[in-house]
């Protein structure tokens, strides 16, 4: 059993590494701005798929919505995640965001800059 777990961890690490490489590539030439995260109201969408009820959350933007399928959750959008490492960003935490709403923690942004600079010097 331990061997299988080891294999699974290795696969997950390889998948994460590939994800990180492709994600970093998507950020080339995008400018990130430092922001502070604040909790906002969320809009919870409810839908039934194959007899199972699912809820999807998103920040509420103030637009009209279907009150039969959705509800506002005050302060419900209370954290974000770095798109690279998944670090949880809580209210009051600083983070980086670009115009496409990609969110990075500072550690991943620094790694991205290092990789981008290395790629440029390698001709890549």
N, C-alpha and C. Protein backbone atom coordinates (compact mmCIF):
# COMPACT_ATOMS: atom_id res chain seq x y z
N UNK A 1 0.83 -1.19 0.00
CA UNK A 1 0.00 0.00 0.00
C UNK A 1 0.87 1.26 0.00
N UNK A 2 1.94 1.25 0.77
CA UNK A 2 2.81 2.43 0.84
C UNK A 2 3.42 2.71 -0.53
N UNK A 3 3.72 1.66 -1.29
CA UNK A 3 4.29 1.85 -2.61
C UNK A 3 3.32 2.57 -3.54
N UNK A 4 2.05 2.19 -3.47
CA UNK A 4 1.04 2.84 -4.30
C UNK A 4 0.90 4.30 -3.93
N UNK A 5 0.93 4.59 -2.63
CA UNK A 5 0.83 5.98 -2.20
C UNK A 5 2.02 6.78 -2.73
N UNK A 6 3.20 6.19 -2.70
CA UNK A 6 4.39 6.85 -3.22
C UNK A 6 4.23 7.15 -4.71
N UNK A 7 3.71 6.16 -5.46
CA UNK A 7 3.49 6.37 -6.88
C UNK A 7 2.49 7.51 -7.11
N UNK A 8 1.42 7.54 -6.33
CA UNK A 8 0.42 8.60 -6.48
C UNK A 8 1.01 9.97 -6.18
N UNK A 9 1.81 10.06 -5.13
CA UNK A 9 2.44 11.34 -4.79
C UNK A 9 3.36 11.80 -5.91
N UNK A 10 4.09 10.86 -6.48
CA UNK A 10 5.00 11.21 -7.57
C UNK A 10 4.21 11.71 -8.78
N UNK A 11 3.11 11.07 -9.10
CA UNK A 11 2.26 11.50 -10.21
C UNK A 11 1.71 12.89 -9.94
N UNK A 12 1.23 13.12 -8.70
CA UNK A 12 0.68 14.44 -8.35
C UNK A 12 1.75 15.51 -8.48
N UNK A 13 2.99 15.22 -8.06
CA UNK A 13 4.07 16.20 -8.16
C UNK A 13 4.38 16.52 -9.62
N UNK A 14 4.40 15.50 -10.48
CA UNK A 14 4.66 15.72 -11.91
C UNK A 14 3.54 16.56 -12.51
N UNK A 15 2.29 16.23 -12.19
CA UNK A 15 1.16 17.00 -12.71
C UNK A 15 1.22 18.45 -12.23
N UNK A 16 1.57 18.65 -10.96
CA UNK A 16 1.67 20.01 -10.42
C UNK A 16 2.78 20.78 -11.12
N UNK A 17 3.91 20.11 -11.38
CA UNK A 17 5.02 20.78 -12.07
C UNK A 17 4.62 21.18 -13.48
N UNK A 18 3.92 20.30 -14.18
CA UNK A 18 3.46 20.63 -15.54
C UNK A 18 2.46 21.77 -15.50
N UNK A 19 1.56 21.75 -14.51
CA UNK A 19 0.58 22.83 -14.36
C UNK A 19 1.30 24.15 -14.13
N UNK A 20 2.28 24.14 -13.24
CA UNK A 20 3.01 25.37 -12.94
C UNK A 20 3.71 25.91 -14.18
N UNK A 21 4.36 25.03 -14.96
CA UNK A 21 5.04 25.49 -16.17
C UNK A 21 4.07 26.12 -17.14
N UNK A 22 2.93 25.48 -17.37
CA UNK A 22 1.97 26.02 -18.33
C UNK A 22 1.34 27.30 -17.79
N UNK A 23 1.10 27.36 -16.49
CA UNK A 23 0.49 28.55 -15.91
C UNK A 23 1.44 29.73 -16.00
N UNK A 24 2.72 29.50 -15.67
CA UNK A 24 3.70 30.58 -15.78
C UNK A 24 3.76 31.11 -17.21
N UNK A 25 3.71 30.24 -18.18
CA UNK A 25 3.78 30.66 -19.58
C UNK A 25 2.61 31.58 -19.93
N UNK A 26 1.45 31.33 -19.35
CA UNK A 26 0.27 32.14 -19.64
C UNK A 26 0.42 33.57 -19.12
N UNK A 27 1.28 33.79 -18.13
CA UNK A 27 1.41 35.10 -17.51
C UNK A 27 2.39 36.01 -18.22
N UNK A 28 3.09 35.52 -19.21
CA UNK A 28 4.09 36.35 -19.86
C UNK A 28 3.47 37.66 -20.35
N UNK A 29 4.16 38.75 -20.09
CA UNK A 29 3.80 40.11 -20.47
C UNK A 29 2.55 40.64 -19.75
N UNK A 30 2.13 39.97 -18.70
CA UNK A 30 1.01 40.49 -17.91
C UNK A 30 1.56 41.24 -16.71
N UNK A 31 0.98 42.38 -16.43
CA UNK A 31 1.39 43.18 -15.28
C UNK A 31 0.50 42.88 -14.09
N UNK A 32 1.10 42.63 -12.94
CA UNK A 32 0.36 42.36 -11.71
C UNK A 32 0.41 43.58 -10.81
N UNK A 33 -0.71 43.82 -10.14
CA UNK A 33 -0.85 44.95 -9.22
C UNK A 33 -1.06 44.40 -7.81
N UNK A 34 -0.38 45.03 -6.84
CA UNK A 34 -0.54 44.61 -5.45
C UNK A 34 -1.90 45.08 -4.95
N UNK A 35 -2.62 44.18 -4.28
CA UNK A 35 -3.94 44.48 -3.73
C UNK A 35 -4.04 43.90 -2.33
N UNK A 36 -5.08 44.33 -1.61
CA UNK A 36 -5.41 43.76 -0.31
C UNK A 36 -6.78 43.11 -0.46
N UNK A 37 -6.89 41.86 0.01
CA UNK A 37 -8.16 41.14 -0.13
C UNK A 37 -9.12 41.53 0.98
N UNK A 38 -10.37 41.77 0.59
CA UNK A 38 -11.46 42.03 1.52
C UNK A 38 -12.61 41.09 1.19
N UNK A 39 -13.26 40.56 2.22
CA UNK A 39 -14.42 39.69 1.99
C UNK A 39 -15.55 40.52 1.38
N UNK A 40 -16.29 39.91 0.46
CA UNK A 40 -17.45 40.55 -0.16
C UNK A 40 -18.61 39.55 -0.15
N UNK A 41 -19.79 40.04 -0.44
CA UNK A 41 -20.94 39.15 -0.54
C UNK A 41 -20.72 38.17 -1.68
N UNK A 42 -21.24 36.96 -1.49
CA UNK A 42 -21.14 35.93 -2.52
C UNK A 42 -22.53 35.65 -3.07
N UNK A 43 -22.56 35.16 -4.28
CA UNK A 43 -23.81 34.69 -4.87
C UNK A 43 -23.67 33.18 -5.02
N UNK A 44 -24.54 32.46 -4.35
CA UNK A 44 -24.53 30.99 -4.42
C UNK A 44 -25.55 30.55 -5.44
N UNK A 45 -25.10 29.80 -6.43
CA UNK A 45 -25.95 29.26 -7.48
C UNK A 45 -26.27 27.81 -7.12
N UNK A 46 -27.53 27.45 -7.21
CA UNK A 46 -27.93 26.08 -6.94
C UNK A 46 -28.46 25.45 -8.22
N UNK A 47 -27.99 24.25 -8.51
CA UNK A 47 -28.50 23.54 -9.68
C UNK A 47 -28.51 22.05 -9.38
N UNK A 48 -29.40 21.37 -10.07
CA UNK A 48 -29.50 19.92 -9.89
C UNK A 48 -28.97 19.24 -11.14
N UNK A 49 -28.06 18.29 -10.93
CA UNK A 49 -27.47 17.52 -12.03
C UNK A 49 -27.60 16.06 -11.68
N UNK A 50 -28.31 15.33 -12.52
CA UNK A 50 -28.52 13.89 -12.30
C UNK A 50 -29.06 13.59 -10.90
N UNK A 51 -29.99 14.41 -10.45
CA UNK A 51 -30.62 14.18 -9.16
C UNK A 51 -29.82 14.67 -7.96
N UNK A 52 -28.63 15.19 -8.18
CA UNK A 52 -27.79 15.72 -7.10
C UNK A 52 -27.84 17.25 -7.14
N UNK A 53 -27.97 17.87 -5.96
CA UNK A 53 -28.01 19.33 -5.89
C UNK A 53 -26.60 19.85 -5.65
N UNK A 54 -26.16 20.80 -6.49
CA UNK A 54 -24.83 21.38 -6.39
C UNK A 54 -24.93 22.87 -6.15
N UNK A 55 -23.93 23.39 -5.42
CA UNK A 55 -23.86 24.83 -5.16
C UNK A 55 -22.53 25.34 -5.68
N UNK A 56 -22.58 26.43 -6.43
CA UNK A 56 -21.39 27.09 -6.94
C UNK A 56 -21.39 28.51 -6.39
N UNK A 57 -20.24 28.95 -5.92
CA UNK A 57 -20.12 30.29 -5.36
C UNK A 57 -19.39 31.22 -6.31
N UNK A 58 -19.65 32.50 -6.17
CA UNK A 58 -18.91 33.52 -6.89
C UNK A 58 -19.13 34.85 -6.19
N UNK A 59 -18.21 35.78 -6.35
CA UNK A 59 -18.43 37.10 -5.73
C UNK A 59 -19.66 37.75 -6.36
N UNK A 60 -20.51 38.34 -5.53
CA UNK A 60 -21.72 38.99 -6.03
C UNK A 60 -21.36 40.35 -6.58
N UNK A 61 -21.77 40.60 -7.84
CA UNK A 61 -21.41 41.85 -8.53
C UNK A 61 -22.52 42.89 -8.53
N UNK A 62 -23.62 42.62 -7.82
CA UNK A 62 -24.70 43.59 -7.73
C UNK A 62 -25.74 43.50 -8.82
N UNK A 63 -25.53 42.63 -9.79
CA UNK A 63 -26.48 42.50 -10.90
C UNK A 63 -27.68 41.65 -10.49
N UNK A 64 -28.82 41.83 -11.18
CA UNK A 64 -29.99 41.00 -10.89
C UNK A 64 -29.68 39.52 -11.10
N UNK A 65 -30.38 38.66 -10.35
CA UNK A 65 -30.17 37.22 -10.45
C UNK A 65 -31.49 36.49 -10.23
N UNK A 66 -31.52 35.24 -10.60
CA UNK A 66 -32.69 34.39 -10.44
C UNK A 66 -32.79 33.97 -8.98
N UNK A 67 -33.75 34.55 -8.26
CA UNK A 67 -33.88 34.29 -6.82
C UNK A 67 -34.32 32.85 -6.51
N UNK A 68 -34.86 32.15 -7.50
CA UNK A 68 -35.24 30.75 -7.29
C UNK A 68 -34.02 29.83 -7.34
N UNK A 69 -32.98 30.24 -8.07
CA UNK A 69 -31.80 29.40 -8.25
C UNK A 69 -30.57 29.90 -7.48
N UNK A 70 -30.64 31.12 -6.95
CA UNK A 70 -29.47 31.73 -6.32
C UNK A 70 -29.85 32.41 -5.01
N UNK A 71 -28.84 32.62 -4.17
CA UNK A 71 -29.06 33.45 -2.98
C UNK A 71 -27.76 34.18 -2.64
N UNK A 72 -27.92 35.35 -2.03
CA UNK A 72 -26.77 36.14 -1.60
C UNK A 72 -26.33 35.63 -0.23
N UNK A 73 -25.03 35.45 -0.08
CA UNK A 73 -24.45 35.04 1.20
C UNK A 73 -23.59 36.20 1.67
N UNK A 74 -24.07 36.99 2.65
CA UNK A 74 -23.30 38.15 3.12
C UNK A 74 -21.90 37.77 3.59
N UNK A 75 -20.89 38.43 3.01
CA UNK A 75 -19.49 38.17 3.37
C UNK A 75 -19.01 36.79 2.98
N UNK A 76 -19.77 36.10 2.14
CA UNK A 76 -19.47 34.71 1.79
C UNK A 76 -18.25 34.50 0.93
N UNK A 77 -17.84 35.51 0.18
CA UNK A 77 -16.61 35.38 -0.63
C UNK A 77 -15.49 35.86 0.26
N UNK A 78 -14.99 34.94 1.13
CA UNK A 78 -14.11 35.34 2.21
C UNK A 78 -12.65 34.93 2.03
N UNK A 79 -12.31 34.41 0.88
CA UNK A 79 -10.90 34.11 0.60
C UNK A 79 -10.72 33.88 -0.90
N UNK A 80 -9.49 33.92 -1.31
CA UNK A 80 -9.09 33.60 -2.68
C UNK A 80 -7.94 32.62 -2.59
N UNK A 81 -7.47 32.14 -3.74
CA UNK A 81 -6.32 31.23 -3.79
C UNK A 81 -5.36 31.67 -4.87
N UNK A 82 -4.08 31.50 -4.61
CA UNK A 82 -3.05 31.70 -5.63
C UNK A 82 -3.29 30.65 -6.71
N UNK A 83 -3.30 31.08 -7.97
CA UNK A 83 -3.57 30.15 -9.07
C UNK A 83 -2.41 29.18 -9.31
N UNK A 84 -1.25 29.46 -8.75
CA UNK A 84 -0.11 28.57 -8.93
C UNK A 84 -0.04 27.53 -7.82
N UNK A 85 0.04 27.97 -6.58
CA UNK A 85 0.29 27.04 -5.47
C UNK A 85 -0.95 26.76 -4.63
N UNK A 86 -2.01 27.55 -4.81
CA UNK A 86 -3.23 27.32 -4.05
C UNK A 86 -3.24 27.95 -2.67
N UNK A 87 -2.23 28.74 -2.34
CA UNK A 87 -2.19 29.40 -1.04
C UNK A 87 -3.49 30.15 -0.81
N UNK A 88 -4.06 30.03 0.39
CA UNK A 88 -5.29 30.73 0.72
C UNK A 88 -4.97 32.17 1.11
N UNK A 89 -5.67 33.10 0.50
CA UNK A 89 -5.51 34.53 0.76
C UNK A 89 -6.74 34.98 1.53
N UNK A 90 -6.52 35.41 2.78
CA UNK A 90 -7.60 35.78 3.69
C UNK A 90 -7.82 37.30 3.70
N UNK A 91 -8.96 37.75 4.23
CA UNK A 91 -9.19 39.19 4.36
C UNK A 91 -8.01 39.86 5.08
N UNK A 92 -7.55 40.96 4.51
CA UNK A 92 -6.42 41.70 5.05
C UNK A 92 -5.08 41.29 4.44
N UNK A 93 -5.02 40.13 3.77
CA UNK A 93 -3.77 39.67 3.14
C UNK A 93 -3.53 40.42 1.84
N UNK A 94 -2.26 40.69 1.56
CA UNK A 94 -1.88 41.28 0.28
C UNK A 94 -1.65 40.16 -0.73
N UNK A 95 -1.91 40.47 -2.00
CA UNK A 95 -1.72 39.52 -3.09
C UNK A 95 -1.51 40.31 -4.35
N UNK A 96 -1.26 39.63 -5.45
CA UNK A 96 -1.06 40.27 -6.75
C UNK A 96 -2.13 39.80 -7.71
N UNK A 97 -2.62 40.73 -8.54
CA UNK A 97 -3.66 40.39 -9.50
C UNK A 97 -3.42 41.14 -10.81
N UNK A 98 -3.70 40.47 -11.93
CA UNK A 98 -3.56 41.15 -13.21
C UNK A 98 -4.94 41.50 -13.76
N UNK A 99 -4.98 42.10 -14.94
CA UNK A 99 -6.25 42.55 -15.50
C UNK A 99 -7.17 41.39 -15.86
N UNK A 100 -6.63 40.19 -15.93
CA UNK A 100 -7.44 39.00 -16.22
C UNK A 100 -7.93 38.32 -14.95
N UNK A 101 -7.69 38.97 -13.81
CA UNK A 101 -8.09 38.49 -12.49
C UNK A 101 -7.36 37.22 -12.07
N UNK A 102 -6.17 37.00 -12.63
CA UNK A 102 -5.30 35.93 -12.16
C UNK A 102 -4.69 36.40 -10.84
N UNK A 103 -4.71 35.55 -9.83
CA UNK A 103 -4.23 35.92 -8.50
C UNK A 103 -2.98 35.13 -8.18
N UNK A 104 -1.95 35.83 -7.71
CA UNK A 104 -0.69 35.20 -7.31
C UNK A 104 -0.32 35.62 -5.90
N UNK A 105 0.30 34.69 -5.16
CA UNK A 105 0.93 35.07 -3.90
C UNK A 105 2.30 35.65 -4.27
N UNK A 106 2.97 36.27 -3.32
CA UNK A 106 4.24 36.91 -3.61
C UNK A 106 5.35 35.90 -3.92
N UNK A 107 5.32 34.74 -3.28
CA UNK A 107 6.35 33.72 -3.53
C UNK A 107 6.26 33.23 -4.97
N UNK A 108 5.06 32.97 -5.46
CA UNK A 108 4.91 32.47 -6.84
C UNK A 108 5.23 33.56 -7.86
N UNK A 109 4.90 34.80 -7.53
CA UNK A 109 5.22 35.90 -8.44
C UNK A 109 6.74 36.04 -8.58
N UNK A 110 7.44 35.89 -7.45
CA UNK A 110 8.90 35.99 -7.49
C UNK A 110 9.49 34.83 -8.32
N UNK A 111 8.96 33.61 -8.13
CA UNK A 111 9.43 32.47 -8.90
C UNK A 111 9.14 32.67 -10.38
N UNK A 112 7.96 33.20 -10.70
CA UNK A 112 7.60 33.48 -12.09
C UNK A 112 8.58 34.46 -12.71
N UNK A 113 8.90 35.54 -12.00
CA UNK A 113 9.84 36.55 -12.53
C UNK A 113 11.21 35.93 -12.77
N UNK A 114 11.66 35.07 -11.85
CA UNK A 114 12.97 34.42 -11.99
C UNK A 114 12.95 33.53 -13.23
N UNK A 115 11.89 32.72 -13.37
CA UNK A 115 11.79 31.82 -14.53
C UNK A 115 11.67 32.60 -15.83
N UNK A 116 10.91 33.69 -15.82
CA UNK A 116 10.75 34.50 -17.03
C UNK A 116 12.08 35.12 -17.43
N UNK A 117 12.83 35.61 -16.44
CA UNK A 117 14.13 36.21 -16.70
C UNK A 117 15.10 35.16 -17.23
N UNK A 118 15.11 33.96 -16.63
CA UNK A 118 15.99 32.89 -17.08
C UNK A 118 15.65 32.46 -18.49
N UNK A 119 14.35 32.39 -18.81
CA UNK A 119 13.92 32.03 -20.15
C UNK A 119 14.36 33.05 -21.17
N UNK A 120 14.30 34.32 -20.81
CA UNK A 120 14.70 35.39 -21.73
C UNK A 120 16.21 35.33 -22.00
N UNK A 121 17.00 35.02 -20.95
CA UNK A 121 18.45 34.97 -21.13
C UNK A 121 18.87 33.70 -21.87
N UNK A 122 18.01 32.66 -21.83
CA UNK A 122 18.30 31.42 -22.57
C UNK A 122 17.84 31.51 -24.01
N UNK A 123 17.19 32.63 -24.36
CA UNK A 123 16.64 32.77 -25.70
C UNK A 123 15.28 32.13 -25.82
N UNK A 124 14.67 31.67 -24.67
CA UNK A 124 13.39 30.99 -24.68
C UNK A 124 12.25 31.81 -24.35
